[in-house]
Amino acid sequence: MDKEVRFGQTLEKIRKKAKEQGNIISEEEINESFAWLALEDSQLALIHDYLHKRGVGIGEPADMDDFLDDADRNYLETYLGQVSMLEPVCESEKMKYIQQAMAGKMGARDKLICIYLPQVADLAKLYAGQGVGMEELIGEGNVALVSGMELLGALEDPTEAEGMLGRRMMDAMEAFIAAHALSGDIGKQAAERVNRVKDAAKELSDVLLRKVTVMELARESEIPEEEIREALRLSAGKIEEIEDMDGSGKS
């Protein structure tokens, strides 16, 4: 396996393990994970810095409030203010509702949802500073919590419920963050394709002293016609140097 690939996989495993431990990992766990690389102290410091910037505490929990912006803080304050008005329950009462929910009682499931709403916010804070706002993360967590109620009946032990629901909420938040990052990457790639075509069109247009056609640009720049037309579509036909024959980006 390529060393860079293995390094990336090891780093991702550490982040995942830290999440499962409440966003904290020990220095010993980091050293053991990267023992195969025999890293120097300066290199380990870079790993620590990488983890810290992503909300992972080394040896002690990171203060996730440091990763919240004003909008996130305002939303959390409003959300927690609303859930604080719900009637609290003790651990034995919660277990009773879990058992009833496992038996299919809808009222118990509704009660459990209310019980776990504060936990959704706690889990969402673990993902602060990763490009997604608290409102979106909590929304994803709430949906996962509600859908998780349908799975309680498949559990054999009531004590498994909290772990199952927590994992579902975290998985939903992580999936949303990943999708958000992917859409950003796709948007960046699209912009790069448009700019590549635009630069080539401007260069040829400056030489010919007029707008150019798609076929001319494809022939002179060696950019495939399909890529040029795709760039026109992505830019809504706004590459001025390319002749737009029918107003639809087709020439």
Protein backbone atom coordinates (compact mmCIF):
# COMPACT_ATOMS: atom_id res chain seq x y z
CA MET A 1 0.00 0.00 0.00
CA ASP A 2 1.23 3.49 -0.87
CA LYS A 3 2.63 5.26 2.22
CA GLU A 4 0.58 8.42 1.60
CA VAL A 5 -2.62 6.39 1.27
CA ARG A 6 -1.91 4.50 4.47
CA PHE A 7 -1.12 7.77 6.26
CA GLY A 8 -4.47 9.24 5.19
CA GLN A 9 -6.33 6.11 6.26
CA THR A 10 -4.61 6.13 9.65
CA LEU A 11 -5.48 9.78 10.18
CA GLU A 12 -9.13 9.12 9.30
CA LYS A 13 -9.24 6.18 11.73
CA ILE A 14 -7.94 8.43 14.50
CA ARG A 15 -10.62 11.04 13.77
CA LYS A 16 -13.31 8.36 13.80
CA LYS A 17 -12.04 6.87 17.05
CA ALA A 18 -11.91 10.32 18.62
CA LYS A 19 -15.54 10.95 17.60
CA GLU A 20 -16.58 7.69 19.27
CA GLN A 21 -14.76 8.81 22.42
CA GLY A 22 -16.43 12.22 22.57
CA ASN A 23 -13.97 14.01 20.27
CA ILE A 24 -10.94 13.16 22.36
CA ILE A 25 -7.92 10.96 21.77
CA SER A 26 -4.78 10.38 23.81
CA GLU A 27 -1.27 11.20 22.69
CA GLU A 28 -0.39 7.54 23.25
CA GLU A 29 -3.11 6.44 20.81
CA ILE A 30 -1.76 8.81 18.17
CA ASN A 31 1.82 7.61 18.69
CA GLU A 32 0.78 3.97 18.48
CA SER A 33 -1.26 4.56 15.32
CA PHE A 34 1.69 6.18 13.55
CA ALA A 35 4.44 4.00 15.05
CA TRP A 36 4.99 2.41 11.63
CA LEU A 37 6.18 5.78 10.29
CA ALA A 38 8.67 6.63 13.08
CA LEU A 39 7.63 10.29 12.93
CA GLU A 40 9.70 13.08 14.43
CA ASP A 41 8.26 15.37 17.11
CA SER A 42 7.76 18.17 14.58
CA GLN A 43 5.75 15.85 12.33
CA LEU A 44 3.61 14.64 15.23
CA ALA A 45 2.99 18.29 16.14
CA LEU A 46 1.54 18.84 12.67
CA ILE A 47 -0.84 15.91 13.22
CA HIS A 48 -1.87 17.38 16.58
CA ASP A 49 -2.51 20.74 14.92
CA TYR A 50 -4.57 19.07 12.16
CA LEU A 51 -6.73 17.27 14.73
CA HIS A 52 -7.13 20.35 16.91
CA LYS A 53 -8.38 22.43 13.98
CA ARG A 54 -11.05 19.77 13.46
CA GLY A 55 -12.23 19.86 17.05
CA VAL A 56 -10.37 16.82 18.36
CA GLY A 57 -8.92 17.19 21.83
CA ILE A 58 -5.53 15.62 22.60
CA GLY A 59 -5.64 14.15 26.09
CA GLU A 60 -8.54 16.39 27.11
CA PRO A 61 -11.77 17.49 25.43
CA ALA A 62 -11.52 20.40 23.03
CA ASP A 63 -13.73 23.40 23.72
CA MET A 64 -16.13 23.08 20.80
CA ASP A 65 -17.54 26.55 21.49
CA ASP A 66 -14.31 27.87 19.96
CA PHE A 67 -15.44 26.46 16.61
CA LEU A 68 -18.88 28.08 16.62
CA ASP A 69 -19.64 31.31 14.80
CA ASP A 70 -22.29 33.80 15.95
CA ALA A 71 -25.01 32.21 13.81
CA ASP A 72 -24.30 28.78 15.29
CA ARG A 73 -24.29 30.13 18.83
CA ASN A 74 -27.59 31.94 18.30
CA TYR A 75 -29.23 28.85 16.82
CA LEU A 76 -27.94 26.60 19.61
CA GLU A 77 -29.18 29.02 22.23
CA THR A 78 -32.65 29.05 20.67
CA TYR A 79 -32.74 25.26 20.18
CA LEU A 80 -31.55 24.45 23.69
CA GLY A 81 -33.94 27.02 25.13
CA GLN A 82 -36.82 25.20 23.47
CA VAL A 83 -35.80 21.70 24.52
CA SER A 84 -35.12 22.85 28.07
CA MET A 85 -38.86 23.39 28.45
CA LEU A 86 -39.46 19.67 27.98
CA GLU A 87 -40.08 17.67 31.14
CA PRO A 88 -36.86 15.92 32.24
CA VAL A 89 -36.88 12.21 33.11
CA CYS A 90 -34.60 10.04 35.24
CA GLU A 91 -32.61 7.11 33.89
CA SER A 92 -35.13 4.51 35.08
CA GLU A 93 -37.99 6.35 33.38
CA LYS A 94 -36.00 6.60 30.16
CA MET A 95 -35.37 2.86 30.23
CA LYS A 96 -39.08 2.28 30.71
CA TYR A 97 -39.88 4.35 27.64
CA ILE A 98 -37.22 2.49 25.65
CA GLN A 99 -38.79 -0.85 26.55
CA GLN A 100 -42.23 0.42 25.61
CA ALA A 101 -40.91 1.85 22.34
CA MET A 102 -39.30 -1.49 21.54
CA ALA A 103 -42.74 -3.02 21.97
CA GLY A 104 -44.11 -0.61 19.36
CA LYS A 105 -45.93 1.92 21.55
CA MET A 106 -46.07 5.18 19.59
CA GLY A 107 -46.52 7.36 22.66
CA ALA A 108 -43.31 6.00 24.14
CA ARG A 109 -41.45 6.68 20.89
CA ASP A 110 -42.65 10.28 20.87
CA LYS A 111 -41.49 10.65 24.46
CA LEU A 112 -38.08 9.19 23.63
CA ILE A 113 -37.63 11.64 20.78
CA CYS A 114 -38.15 14.50 23.21
CA ILE A 115 -35.73 12.92 25.70
CA TYR A 116 -32.95 12.68 23.12
CA LEU A 117 -33.35 16.13 21.54
CA PRO A 118 -30.66 17.69 23.79
CA GLN A 119 -28.26 14.90 22.82
CA VAL A 120 -28.69 15.83 19.17
CA ALA A 121 -27.25 19.26 19.96
CA ASP A 122 -24.37 17.74 21.96
CA LEU A 123 -23.44 15.49 19.04
CA ALA A 124 -23.79 18.33 16.52
CA LYS A 125 -21.23 20.37 18.45
CA LEU A 126 -18.70 17.58 17.87
CA TYR A 127 -18.83 18.50 14.17
CA ALA A 128 -18.51 22.26 14.59
CA GLY A 129 -16.12 24.02 12.26
CA GLN A 130 -16.39 21.47 9.44
CA GLY A 131 -18.14 23.71 6.94
CA VAL A 132 -21.72 22.97 7.98
CA GLY A 133 -23.88 25.02 10.34
CA MET A 134 -25.47 23.84 13.57
CA GLU A 135 -28.97 24.22 12.13
CA GLU A 136 -28.23 21.78 9.31
CA LEU A 137 -26.41 19.31 11.58
CA ILE A 138 -29.15 19.31 14.20
CA GLY A 139 -31.76 18.95 11.48
CA GLU A 140 -29.99 15.87 10.11
CA GLY A 141 -29.61 14.47 13.60
CA ASN A 142 -33.29 14.97 14.40
CA VAL A 143 -34.34 13.16 11.22
CA ALA A 144 -32.03 10.26 12.08
CA LEU A 145 -33.40 10.18 15.61
CA VAL A 146 -37.00 9.98 14.43
CA SER A 147 -36.25 7.29 11.84
CA GLY A 148 -34.25 5.37 14.43
CA MET A 149 -37.40 4.83 16.46
CA GLU A 150 -38.55 2.37 13.80
CA LEU A 151 -35.49 0.22 14.48
CA LEU A 152 -35.90 -0.13 18.23
CA GLY A 153 -38.07 -3.21 17.83
CA ALA A 154 -35.17 -5.09 16.29
CA LEU A 155 -33.00 -4.68 19.40
CA GLU A 156 -32.68 -7.51 21.88
CA ASP A 157 -31.49 -5.44 24.84
CA PRO A 158 -32.89 -2.02 25.87
CA THR A 159 -29.39 -0.91 26.85
CA GLU A 160 -28.42 -1.04 23.16
CA ALA A 161 -30.90 1.68 22.23
CA GLU A 162 -28.88 4.73 23.24
CA GLY A 163 -25.77 3.57 21.38
CA MET A 164 -27.77 2.71 18.26
CA LEU A 165 -29.55 6.06 18.18
CA GLY A 166 -26.33 7.96 18.84
CA ARG A 167 -24.55 6.19 16.01
CA ARG A 168 -27.42 6.90 13.63
CA MET A 169 -27.35 10.59 14.47
CA MET A 170 -23.57 10.80 14.07
CA ASP A 171 -23.65 8.85 10.81
CA ALA A 172 -26.30 11.21 9.45
CA MET A 173 -24.26 14.28 10.36
CA GLU A 174 -21.07 12.82 8.90
CA ALA A 175 -22.87 11.88 5.69
CA PHE A 176 -24.24 15.42 5.39
CA ILE A 177 -20.78 16.93 5.91
CA ALA A 178 -19.32 14.57 3.30
CA ALA A 179 -22.07 15.43 0.80
CA HIS A 180 -21.56 19.14 1.44
CA ALA A 181 -17.81 18.80 0.87
CA LEU A 182 -18.40 16.79 -2.30
CA SER A 183 -20.78 19.38 -3.72
CA GLY A 184 -18.16 22.02 -2.99
CA ASP A 185 -15.53 19.99 -4.81
CA ILE A 186 -17.85 19.51 -7.76
CA GLY A 187 -18.56 23.23 -7.88
CA LYS A 188 -14.85 23.98 -7.80
CA GLN A 189 -14.17 21.50 -10.60
CA ALA A 190 -16.97 23.01 -12.69
CA ALA A 191 -15.54 26.50 -12.22
CA GLU A 192 -12.11 25.26 -13.25
CA ARG A 193 -13.55 23.72 -16.45
CA VAL A 194 -15.37 26.94 -17.33
CA ASN A 195 -12.26 29.04 -16.71
CA ARG A 196 -10.13 26.70 -18.82
CA VAL A 197 -12.50 27.06 -21.77
CA LYS A 198 -12.89 30.80 -21.24
CA ASP A 199 -9.12 31.38 -21.19
CA ALA A 200 -8.63 29.33 -24.35
CA ALA A 201 -11.51 31.14 -26.09
CA LYS A 202 -10.12 34.56 -25.14
CA GLU A 203 -6.66 33.65 -26.42
CA LEU A 204 -8.03 32.51 -29.80
CA SER A 205 -10.47 35.42 -29.99
CA ASP A 206 -7.63 37.91 -29.45
CA VAL A 207 -5.77 36.37 -32.38
CA LEU A 208 -8.77 36.27 -34.74
CA LEU A 209 -10.14 39.63 -33.55
CA ARG A 210 -13.66 38.16 -33.32
CA LYS A 211 -15.72 35.65 -31.44
CA VAL A 212 -14.92 32.02 -32.10
CA THR A 213 -17.11 29.02 -32.75
CA VAL A 214 -17.11 25.85 -30.68
CA MET A 215 -15.59 23.86 -33.55
CA GLU A 216 -12.83 26.43 -34.07
CA LEU A 217 -11.98 26.44 -30.39
CA ALA A 218 -12.00 22.65 -30.19
CA ARG A 219 -9.69 22.43 -33.22
CA GLU A 220 -7.20 25.06 -32.09
CA SER A 221 -7.16 24.38 -28.33
CA GLU A 222 -7.58 20.59 -28.45
CA ILE A 223 -10.33 20.91 -25.84
CA PRO A 224 -13.08 18.41 -26.79
CA GLU A 225 -16.29 19.95 -28.18
CA GLU A 226 -18.28 18.20 -25.45
CA GLU A 227 -16.21 19.92 -22.76
CA ILE A 228 -16.64 23.33 -24.43
CA ARG A 229 -20.40 22.89 -24.71
CA GLU A 230 -20.53 21.72 -21.09
CA ALA A 231 -18.64 24.87 -20.04
CA LEU A 232 -21.16 26.96 -21.98
CA ARG A 233 -24.00 25.16 -20.21
CA LEU A 234 -22.42 25.60 -16.78
CA SER A 235 -21.87 29.31 -17.44
CA ALA A 236 -25.37 29.73 -18.93
CA GLY A 237 -23.74 30.70 -22.24
CA LYS A 238 -21.87 33.61 -20.67
CA ILE A 239 -18.45 32.95 -22.22
CA GLU A 240 -18.48 36.11 -24.35
CA GLU A 241 -15.62 35.05 -26.61
CA ILE A 242 -17.61 32.08 -27.98
CA GLU A 243 -20.22 32.68 -30.68
CA ASP A 244 -23.63 31.64 -29.36
CA MET A 245 -25.59 30.81 -32.52
CA ASP A 246 -29.01 30.11 -31.07
CA GLY A 247 -28.94 31.69 -27.63
CA SER A 248 -28.73 28.29 -25.91
CA GLY A 249 -24.99 27.88 -25.74
CA LYS A 250 -24.91 25.77 -28.95
CA SER A 251 -22.90 26.94 -31.92
